[in-house]
Amino acid sequence: MDKEIKSEPIQEAPIFRPTEEEFTDPLVFIEGIRHIGEKFGICKIVPPESWKPPFCIDMENFKFKPRIQKLNELEVLYLFYS
């Protein structure tokens, strides 16, 4: 049962640092490197410092209903179900 297990060293995920011109349309850039991301399973994209993503929430129509959460009740439920 003394099998020797051989493994290859783990490669680091690729890091991309696109120029402003390359990152004009981020989705096009991502599609261009997709094959690399699929090969590694992950990649990191560092956008140019000048890149400012647009704010995506329409503040005129954005609404949410806050949920009331009583922390003391959570403790009781935790003790009951554990």
PDB file of N, CA and C in Angstrom:
ATOM      1  N   MET A   1       0.804  -1.195   0.000  1.00  0.00           N
ATOM      2  CA  MET A   1       0.000   0.000   0.000  1.00  0.00           C
ATOM      3  C   MET A   1       0.847   1.259   0.000  1.00  0.00           C
ATOM      4  N   ASP A   2       2.105   1.133  -0.307  1.00  0.00           N
ATOM      5  CA  ASP A   2       2.975   2.303  -0.360  1.00  0.00           C
ATOM      6  C   ASP A   2       2.954   2.893  -1.761  1.00  0.00           C
ATOM      7  N   LYS A   3       1.791   3.374  -2.166  1.00  0.00           N
ATOM      8  CA  LYS A   3       1.702   4.018  -3.463  1.00  0.00           C
ATOM      9  C   LYS A   3       2.213   5.444  -3.349  1.00  0.00           C
ATOM     10  N   GLU A   4       3.000   5.822  -4.291  1.00  0.00           N
ATOM     11  CA  GLU A   4       3.498   7.201  -4.309  1.00  0.00           C
ATOM     12  C   GLU A   4       2.544   8.050  -5.131  1.00  0.00           C
ATOM     13  N   ILE A   5       2.056   9.084  -4.525  1.00  0.00           N
ATOM     14  CA  ILE A   5       1.126   9.976  -5.208  1.00  0.00           C
ATOM     15  C   ILE A   5       1.920  11.130  -5.797  1.00  0.00           C
ATOM     16  N   LYS A   6       1.787  11.275  -7.091  1.00  0.00           N
ATOM     17  CA  LYS A   6       2.466  12.378  -7.769  1.00  0.00           C
ATOM     18  C   LYS A   6       1.437  13.440  -8.126  1.00  0.00           C
ATOM     19  N   SER A   7       1.768  14.640  -7.843  1.00  0.00           N
ATOM     20  CA  SER A   7       0.882  15.738  -8.212  1.00  0.00           C
ATOM     21  C   SER A   7       1.698  16.868  -8.805  1.00  0.00           C
ATOM     22  N   GLU A   8       1.027  17.596  -9.663  1.00  0.00           N
ATOM     23  CA  GLU A   8       1.681  18.747 -10.277  1.00  0.00           C
ATOM     24  C   GLU A   8       1.525  19.943  -9.350  1.00  0.00           C
ATOM     25  N   PRO A   9       2.474  20.854  -9.379  1.00  0.00           N
ATOM     26  CA  PRO A   9       2.329  22.057  -8.544  1.00  0.00           C
ATOM     27  C   PRO A   9       1.123  22.876  -9.001  1.00  0.00           C
ATOM     28  N   ILE A  10       0.464  23.480  -8.043  1.00  0.00           N
ATOM     29  CA  ILE A  10      -0.716  24.287  -8.356  1.00  0.00           C
ATOM     30  C   ILE A  10      -0.264  25.599  -8.972  1.00  0.00           C
ATOM     31  N   GLN A  11      -0.874  25.918 -10.101  1.00  0.00           N
ATOM     32  CA  GLN A  11      -0.555  27.182 -10.763  1.00  0.00           C
ATOM     33  C   GLN A  11      -1.398  28.298 -10.166  1.00  0.00           C
ATOM     34  N   GLU A  12      -0.821  29.471 -10.094  1.00  0.00           N
ATOM     35  CA  GLU A  12      -1.569  30.623  -9.607  1.00  0.00           C
ATOM     36  C   GLU A  12      -2.573  31.071 -10.654  1.00  0.00           C
ATOM     37  N   ALA A  13      -3.662  31.648 -10.187  1.00  0.00           N
ATOM     38  CA  ALA A  13      -4.682  32.165 -11.097  1.00  0.00           C
ATOM     39  C   ALA A  13      -4.104  33.342 -11.880  1.00  0.00           C
ATOM     40  N   PRO A  14      -4.459  33.443 -13.163  1.00  0.00           N
ATOM     41  CA  PRO A  14      -3.948  34.567 -13.959  1.00  0.00           C
ATOM     42  C   PRO A  14      -4.555  35.895 -13.499  1.00  0.00           C
ATOM     43  N   ILE A  15      -3.748  36.936 -13.579  1.00  0.00           N
ATOM     44  CA  ILE A  15      -4.184  38.284 -13.221  1.00  0.00           C
ATOM     45  C   ILE A  15      -4.100  39.146 -14.474  1.00  0.00           C
ATOM     46  N   PHE A  16      -5.190  39.824 -14.784  1.00  0.00           N
ATOM     47  CA  PHE A  16      -5.235  40.693 -15.958  1.00  0.00           C
ATOM     48  C   PHE A  16      -5.301  42.138 -15.500  1.00  0.00           C
ATOM     49  N   ARG A  17      -4.531  42.974 -16.150  1.00  0.00           N
ATOM     50  CA  ARG A  17      -4.532  44.415 -15.882  1.00  0.00           C
ATOM     51  C   ARG A  17      -4.768  45.144 -17.210  1.00  0.00           C
ATOM     52  N   PRO A  18      -6.040  45.221 -17.617  1.00  0.00           N
ATOM     53  CA  PRO A  18      -6.333  45.839 -18.914  1.00  0.00           C
ATOM     54  C   PRO A  18      -6.090  47.349 -18.917  1.00  0.00           C
ATOM     55  N   THR A  19      -5.788  47.851 -20.086  1.00  0.00           N
ATOM     56  CA  THR A  19      -5.626  49.296 -20.256  1.00  0.00           C
ATOM     57  C   THR A  19      -7.017  49.935 -20.312  1.00  0.00           C
ATOM     58  N   GLU A  20      -7.044  51.258 -20.273  1.00  0.00           N
ATOM     59  CA  GLU A  20      -8.325  51.965 -20.384  1.00  0.00           C
ATOM     60  C   GLU A  20      -9.018  51.613 -21.693  1.00  0.00           C
ATOM     61  N   GLU A  21      -8.235  51.540 -22.754  1.00  0.00           N
ATOM     62  CA  GLU A  21      -8.801  51.225 -24.068  1.00  0.00           C
ATOM     63  C   GLU A  21      -9.383  49.808 -24.096  1.00  0.00           C
ATOM     64  N   GLU A  22      -8.663  48.843 -23.525  1.00  0.00           N
ATOM     65  CA  GLU A  22      -9.144  47.461 -23.500  1.00  0.00           C
ATOM     66  C   GLU A  22     -10.394  47.326 -22.623  1.00  0.00           C
ATOM     67  N   PHE A  23     -10.513  48.174 -21.614  1.00  0.00           N
ATOM     68  CA  PHE A  23     -11.598  48.064 -20.653  1.00  0.00           C
ATOM     69  C   PHE A  23     -12.741  49.039 -20.938  1.00  0.00           C
ATOM     70  N   THR A  24     -12.766  49.607 -22.144  1.00  0.00           N
ATOM     71  CA  THR A  24     -13.851  50.505 -22.539  1.00  0.00           C
ATOM     72  C   THR A  24     -15.192  49.808 -22.379  1.00  0.00           C
ATOM     73  N   ASP A  25     -15.248  48.547 -22.806  1.00  0.00           N
ATOM     74  CA  ASP A  25     -16.437  47.720 -22.608  1.00  0.00           C
ATOM     75  C   ASP A  25     -15.997  46.486 -21.818  1.00  0.00           C
ATOM     76  N   PRO A  26     -16.197  46.484 -20.496  1.00  0.00           N
ATOM     77  CA  PRO A  26     -15.715  45.389 -19.660  1.00  0.00           C
ATOM     78  C   PRO A  26     -16.237  44.008 -20.073  1.00  0.00           C
ATOM     79  N   LEU A  27     -17.490  43.935 -20.542  1.00  0.00           N
ATOM     80  CA  LEU A  27     -18.036  42.637 -20.938  1.00  0.00           C
ATOM     81  C   LEU A  27     -17.343  42.072 -22.170  1.00  0.00           C
ATOM     82  N   VAL A  28     -16.953  42.929 -23.074  1.00  0.00           N
ATOM     83  CA  VAL A  28     -16.205  42.483 -24.254  1.00  0.00           C
ATOM     84  C   VAL A  28     -14.830  41.982 -23.818  1.00  0.00           C
ATOM     85  N   PHE A  29     -14.193  42.688 -22.891  1.00  0.00           N
ATOM     86  CA  PHE A  29     -12.888  42.253 -22.383  1.00  0.00           C
ATOM     87  C   PHE A  29     -13.001  40.886 -21.706  1.00  0.00           C
ATOM     88  N   ILE A  30     -14.013  40.722 -20.870  1.00  0.00           N
ATOM     89  CA  ILE A  30     -14.199  39.459 -20.162  1.00  0.00           C
ATOM     90  C   ILE A  30     -14.451  38.320 -21.143  1.00  0.00           C
ATOM     91  N   GLU A  31     -15.252  38.577 -22.154  1.00  0.00           N
ATOM     92  CA  GLU A  31     -15.500  37.547 -23.175  1.00  0.00           C
ATOM     93  C   GLU A  31     -14.206  37.172 -23.883  1.00  0.00           C
ATOM     94  N   GLY A  32     -13.309  38.135 -24.065  1.00  0.00           N
ATOM     95  CA  GLY A  32     -12.032  37.874 -24.726  1.00  0.00           C
ATOM     96  C   GLY A  32     -11.088  36.998 -23.906  1.00  0.00           C
ATOM     97  N   ILE A  33     -11.210  37.025 -22.590  1.00  0.00           N
ATOM     98  CA  ILE A  33     -10.332  36.208 -21.744  1.00  0.00           C
ATOM     99  C   ILE A  33     -11.068  34.996 -21.161  1.00  0.00           C
ATOM    100  N   ARG A  34     -12.279  34.805 -21.609  1.00  0.00           N
ATOM    101  CA  ARG A  34     -13.116  33.728 -21.071  1.00  0.00           C
ATOM    102  C   ARG A  34     -12.441  32.362 -21.144  1.00  0.00           C
ATOM    103  N   HIS A  35     -11.810  32.071 -22.260  1.00  0.00           N
ATOM    104  CA  HIS A  35     -11.171  30.756 -22.427  1.00  0.00           C
ATOM    105  C   HIS A  35     -10.082  30.509 -21.381  1.00  0.00           C
ATOM    106  N   ILE A  36      -9.426  31.567 -20.959  1.00  0.00           N
ATOM    107  CA  ILE A  36      -8.390  31.428 -19.923  1.00  0.00           C
ATOM    108  C   ILE A  36      -9.049  31.199 -18.562  1.00  0.00           C
ATOM    109  N   GLY A  37     -10.094  31.957 -18.275  1.00  0.00           N
ATOM    110  CA  GLY A  37     -10.817  31.776 -17.022  1.00  0.00           C
ATOM    111  C   GLY A  37     -11.400  30.372 -16.910  1.00  0.00           C
ATOM    112  N   GLU A  38     -11.903  29.845 -18.013  1.00  0.00           N
ATOM    113  CA  GLU A  38     -12.465  28.491 -18.002  1.00  0.00           C
ATOM    114  C   GLU A  38     -11.378  27.446 -17.769  1.00  0.00           C
ATOM    115  N   LYS A  39     -10.202  27.691 -18.307  1.00  0.00           N
ATOM    116  CA  LYS A  39      -9.096  26.747 -18.146  1.00  0.00           C
ATOM    117  C   LYS A  39      -8.658  26.673 -16.679  1.00  0.00           C
ATOM    118  N   PHE A  40      -8.539  27.829 -16.034  1.00  0.00           N
ATOM    119  CA  PHE A  40      -8.062  27.888 -14.652  1.00  0.00           C
ATOM    120  C   PHE A  40      -9.192  27.773 -13.631  1.00  0.00           C
ATOM    121  N   GLY A  41     -10.413  28.093 -14.034  1.00  0.00           N
ATOM    122  CA  GLY A  41     -11.531  28.071 -13.117  1.00  0.00           C
ATOM    123  C   GLY A  41     -11.733  29.400 -12.407  1.00  0.00           C
ATOM    124  N   ILE A  42     -10.749  30.276 -12.521  1.00  0.00           N
ATOM    125  CA  ILE A  42     -10.833  31.588 -11.865  1.00  0.00           C
ATOM    126  C   ILE A  42      -9.767  32.491 -12.486  1.00  0.00           C
ATOM    127  N   CYS A  43     -10.000  33.773 -12.442  1.00  0.00           N
ATOM    128  CA  CYS A  43      -8.977  34.747 -12.827  1.00  0.00           C
ATOM    129  C   CYS A  43      -9.307  36.059 -12.117  1.00  0.00           C
ATOM    130  N   LYS A  44      -8.331  36.920 -12.065  1.00  0.00           N
ATOM    131  CA  LYS A  44      -8.509  38.208 -11.396  1.00  0.00           C
ATOM    132  C   LYS A  44      -8.336  39.303 -12.431  1.00  0.00           C
ATOM    133  N   ILE A  45      -9.244  40.261 -12.415  1.00  0.00           N
ATOM    134  CA  ILE A  45      -9.157  41.404 -13.325  1.00  0.00           C
ATOM    135  C   ILE A  45      -8.997  42.658 -12.474  1.00  0.00           C
ATOM    136  N   VAL A  46      -7.906  43.348 -12.678  1.00  0.00           N
ATOM    137  CA  VAL A  46      -7.651  44.613 -11.983  1.00  0.00           C
ATOM    138  C   VAL A  46      -7.954  45.727 -12.985  1.00  0.00           C
ATOM    139  N   PRO A  47      -9.078  46.428 -12.808  1.00  0.00           N
ATOM    140  CA  PRO A  47      -9.431  47.468 -13.775  1.00  0.00           C
ATOM    141  C   PRO A  47      -8.485  48.658 -13.681  1.00  0.00           C
ATOM    142  N   PRO A  48      -8.422  49.450 -14.743  1.00  0.00           N
ATOM    143  CA  PRO A  48      -7.591  50.660 -14.693  1.00  0.00           C
ATOM    144  C   PRO A  48      -8.066  51.575 -13.563  1.00  0.00           C
ATOM    145  N   GLU A  49      -7.150  52.331 -12.989  1.00  0.00           N
ATOM    146  CA  GLU A  49      -7.509  53.218 -11.869  1.00  0.00           C
ATOM    147  C   GLU A  49      -8.567  54.238 -12.255  1.00  0.00           C
ATOM    148  N   SER A  50      -8.591  54.624 -13.509  1.00  0.00           N
ATOM    149  CA  SER A  50      -9.560  55.634 -13.948  1.00  0.00           C
ATOM    150  C   SER A  50     -10.964  55.069 -14.123  1.00  0.00           C
ATOM    151  N   TRP A  51     -11.116  53.754 -14.074  1.00  0.00           N
ATOM    152  CA  TRP A  51     -12.424  53.138 -14.314  1.00  0.00           C
ATOM    153  C   TRP A  51     -13.351  53.355 -13.135  1.00  0.00           C
ATOM    154  N   LYS A  52     -14.492  53.907 -13.413  1.00  0.00           N
ATOM    155  CA  LYS A  52     -15.522  54.141 -12.401  1.00  0.00           C
ATOM    156  C   LYS A  52     -16.802  53.471 -12.883  1.00  0.00           C
ATOM    157  N   PRO A  53     -17.196  52.363 -12.249  1.00  0.00           N
ATOM    158  CA  PRO A  53     -18.414  51.689 -12.697  1.00  0.00           C
ATOM    159  C   PRO A  53     -19.637  52.557 -12.448  1.00  0.00           C
ATOM    160  N   PRO A  54     -20.627  52.456 -13.329  1.00  0.00           N
ATOM    161  CA  PRO A  54     -21.838  53.256 -13.125  1.00  0.00           C
ATOM    162  C   PRO A  54     -22.635  52.737 -11.935  1.00  0.00           C
ATOM    163  N   PHE A  55     -23.341  53.636 -11.285  1.00  0.00           N
ATOM    164  CA  PHE A  55     -24.199  53.261 -10.168  1.00  0.00           C
ATOM    165  C   PHE A  55     -25.437  52.602 -10.765  1.00  0.00           C
ATOM    166  N   CYS A  56     -25.730  51.384 -10.366  1.00  0.00           N
ATOM    167  CA  CYS A  56     -26.745  50.580 -11.049  1.00  0.00           C
ATOM    168  C   CYS A  56     -28.135  50.605 -10.422  1.00  0.00           C
ATOM    169  N   ILE A  57     -28.319  51.288  -9.328  1.00  0.00           N
ATOM    170  CA  ILE A  57     -29.627  51.288  -8.681  1.00  0.00           C
ATOM    171  C   ILE A  57     -30.381  52.558  -9.060  1.00  0.00           C
ATOM    172  N   ASP A  58     -31.600  52.369  -9.508  1.00  0.00           N
ATOM    173  CA  ASP A  58     -32.463  53.502  -9.817  1.00  0.00           C
ATOM    174  C   ASP A  58     -33.050  54.005  -8.503  1.00  0.00           C
ATOM    175  N   MET A  59     -32.481  55.066  -7.981  1.00  0.00           N
ATOM    176  CA  MET A  59     -32.871  55.565  -6.663  1.00  0.00           C
ATOM    177  C   MET A  59     -34.310  56.088  -6.636  1.00  0.00           C
ATOM    178  N   GLU A  60     -34.866  56.427  -7.790  1.00  0.00           N
ATOM    179  CA  GLU A  60     -36.254  56.905  -7.837  1.00  0.00           C
ATOM    180  C   GLU A  60     -37.241  55.763  -7.569  1.00  0.00           C
ATOM    181  N   ASN A  61     -36.885  54.551  -7.984  1.00  0.00           N
ATOM    182  CA  ASN A  61     -37.812  53.421  -7.869  1.00  0.00           C
ATOM    183  C   ASN A  61     -37.340  52.345  -6.903  1.00  0.00           C
ATOM    184  N   PHE A  62     -36.230  52.548  -6.253  1.00  0.00           N
ATOM    185  CA  PHE A  62     -35.678  51.535  -5.356  1.00  0.00           C
ATOM    186  C   PHE A  62     -36.390  51.565  -4.013  1.00  0.00           C
ATOM    187  N   LYS A  63     -36.994  50.442  -3.648  1.00  0.00           N
ATOM    188  CA  LYS A  63     -37.682  50.331  -2.362  1.00  0.00           C
ATOM    189  C   LYS A  63     -37.395  48.950  -1.792  1.00  0.00           C
ATOM    190  N   PHE A  64     -37.363  48.865  -0.499  1.00  0.00           N
ATOM    191  CA  PHE A  64     -37.242  47.566   0.142  1.00  0.00           C
ATOM    192  C   PHE A  64     -37.971  47.607   1.471  1.00  0.00           C
ATOM    193  N   LYS A  65     -38.429  46.446   1.886  1.00  0.00           N
ATOM    194  CA  LYS A  65     -39.144  46.348   3.147  1.00  0.00           C
ATOM    195  C   LYS A  65     -38.187  45.735   4.164  1.00  0.00           C
ATOM    196  N   PRO A  66     -37.823  46.483   5.188  1.00  0.00           N
ATOM    197  CA  PRO A  66     -36.904  45.927   6.178  1.00  0.00           C
ATOM    198  C   PRO A  66     -37.578  44.812   6.974  1.00  0.00           C
ATOM    199  N   ARG A  67     -36.809  43.832   7.302  1.00  0.00           N
ATOM    200  CA  ARG A  67     -37.305  42.709   8.075  1.00  0.00           C
ATOM    201  C   ARG A  67     -36.965  42.942   9.543  1.00  0.00           C
ATOM    202  N   ILE A  68     -37.926  42.781  10.410  1.00  0.00           N
ATOM    203  CA  ILE A  68     -37.685  42.937  11.842  1.00  0.00           C
ATOM    204  C   ILE A  68     -37.171  41.601  12.358  1.00  0.00           C
ATOM    205  N   GLN A  69     -36.018  41.647  12.954  1.00  0.00           N
ATOM    206  CA  GLN A  69     -35.403  40.425  13.459  1.00  0.00           C
ATOM    207  C   GLN A  69     -35.079  40.632  14.934  1.00  0.00           C
ATOM    208  N   LYS A  70     -35.735  39.870  15.771  1.00  0.00           N
ATOM    209  CA  LYS A  70     -35.533  39.997  17.209  1.00  0.00           C
ATOM    210  C   LYS A  70     -34.447  39.006  17.620  1.00  0.00           C
ATOM    211  N   LEU A  71     -33.315  39.528  17.981  1.00  0.00           N
ATOM    212  CA  LEU A  71     -32.166  38.683  18.278  1.00  0.00           C
ATOM    213  C   LEU A  71     -32.404  37.768  19.467  1.00  0.00           C
ATOM    214  N   ASN A  72     -33.162  38.226  20.462  1.00  0.00           N
ATOM    215  CA  ASN A  72     -33.407  37.372  21.614  1.00  0.00           C
ATOM    216  C   ASN A  72     -34.222  36.133  21.219  1.00  0.00           C
ATOM    217  N   GLU A  73     -35.097  36.243  20.220  1.00  0.00           N
ATOM    218  CA  GLU A  73     -35.858  35.096  19.752  1.00  0.00           C
ATOM    219  C   GLU A  73     -34.975  34.115  18.992  1.00  0.00           C
ATOM    220  N   LEU A  74     -33.965  34.606  18.320  1.00  0.00           N
ATOM    221  CA  LEU A  74     -33.043  33.723  17.609  1.00  0.00           C
ATOM    222  C   LEU A  74     -32.311  32.807  18.575  1.00  0.00           C
ATOM    223  N   GLU A  75     -31.908  33.341  19.699  1.00  0.00           N
ATOM    224  CA  GLU A  75     -31.194  32.541  20.689  1.00  0.00           C
ATOM    225  C   GLU A  75     -32.091  31.429  21.223  1.00  0.00           C
ATOM    226  N   VAL A  76     -33.348  31.737  21.473  1.00  0.00           N
ATOM    227  CA  VAL A  76     -34.291  30.731  21.962  1.00  0.00           C
ATOM    228  C   VAL A  76     -34.476  29.639  20.914  1.00  0.00           C
ATOM    229  N   LEU A  77     -34.625  30.027  19.656  1.00  0.00           N
ATOM    230  CA  LEU A  77     -34.783  29.036  18.590  1.00  0.00           C
ATOM    231  C   LEU A  77     -33.543  28.172  18.461  1.00  0.00           C
ATOM    232  N   TYR A  78     -32.367  28.761  18.593  1.00  0.00           N
ATOM    233  CA  TYR A  78     -31.112  28.009  18.496  1.00  0.00           C
ATOM    234  C   TYR A  78     -31.033  26.961  19.610  1.00  0.00           C
ATOM    235  N   LEU A  79     -31.375  27.365  20.817  1.00  0.00           N
ATOM    236  CA  LEU A  79     -31.332  26.435  21.949  1.00  0.00           C
ATOM    237  C   LEU A  79     -32.382  25.333  21.792  1.00  0.00           C
ATOM    238  N   PHE A  80     -33.531  25.693  21.238  1.00  0.00           N
ATOM    239  CA  PHE A  80     -34.613  24.715  21.060  1.00  0.00           C
ATOM    240  C   PHE A  80     -34.258  23.648  20.031  1.00  0.00           C
ATOM    241  N   TYR A  81     -33.635  24.062  18.909  1.00  0.00           N
ATOM    242  CA  TYR A  81     -33.351  23.136  17.816  1.00  0.00           C
ATOM    243  C   TYR A  81     -31.978  22.477  17.900  1.00  0.00           C
ATOM    244  N   SER A  82     -31.140  22.853  18.830  1.00  0.00           N
ATOM    245  CA  SER A  82     -29.814  22.246  18.899  1.00  0.00           C
ATOM    246  C   SER A  82     -29.752  21.096  19.878  1.00  0.00           C
TER     247      SER A  82
END
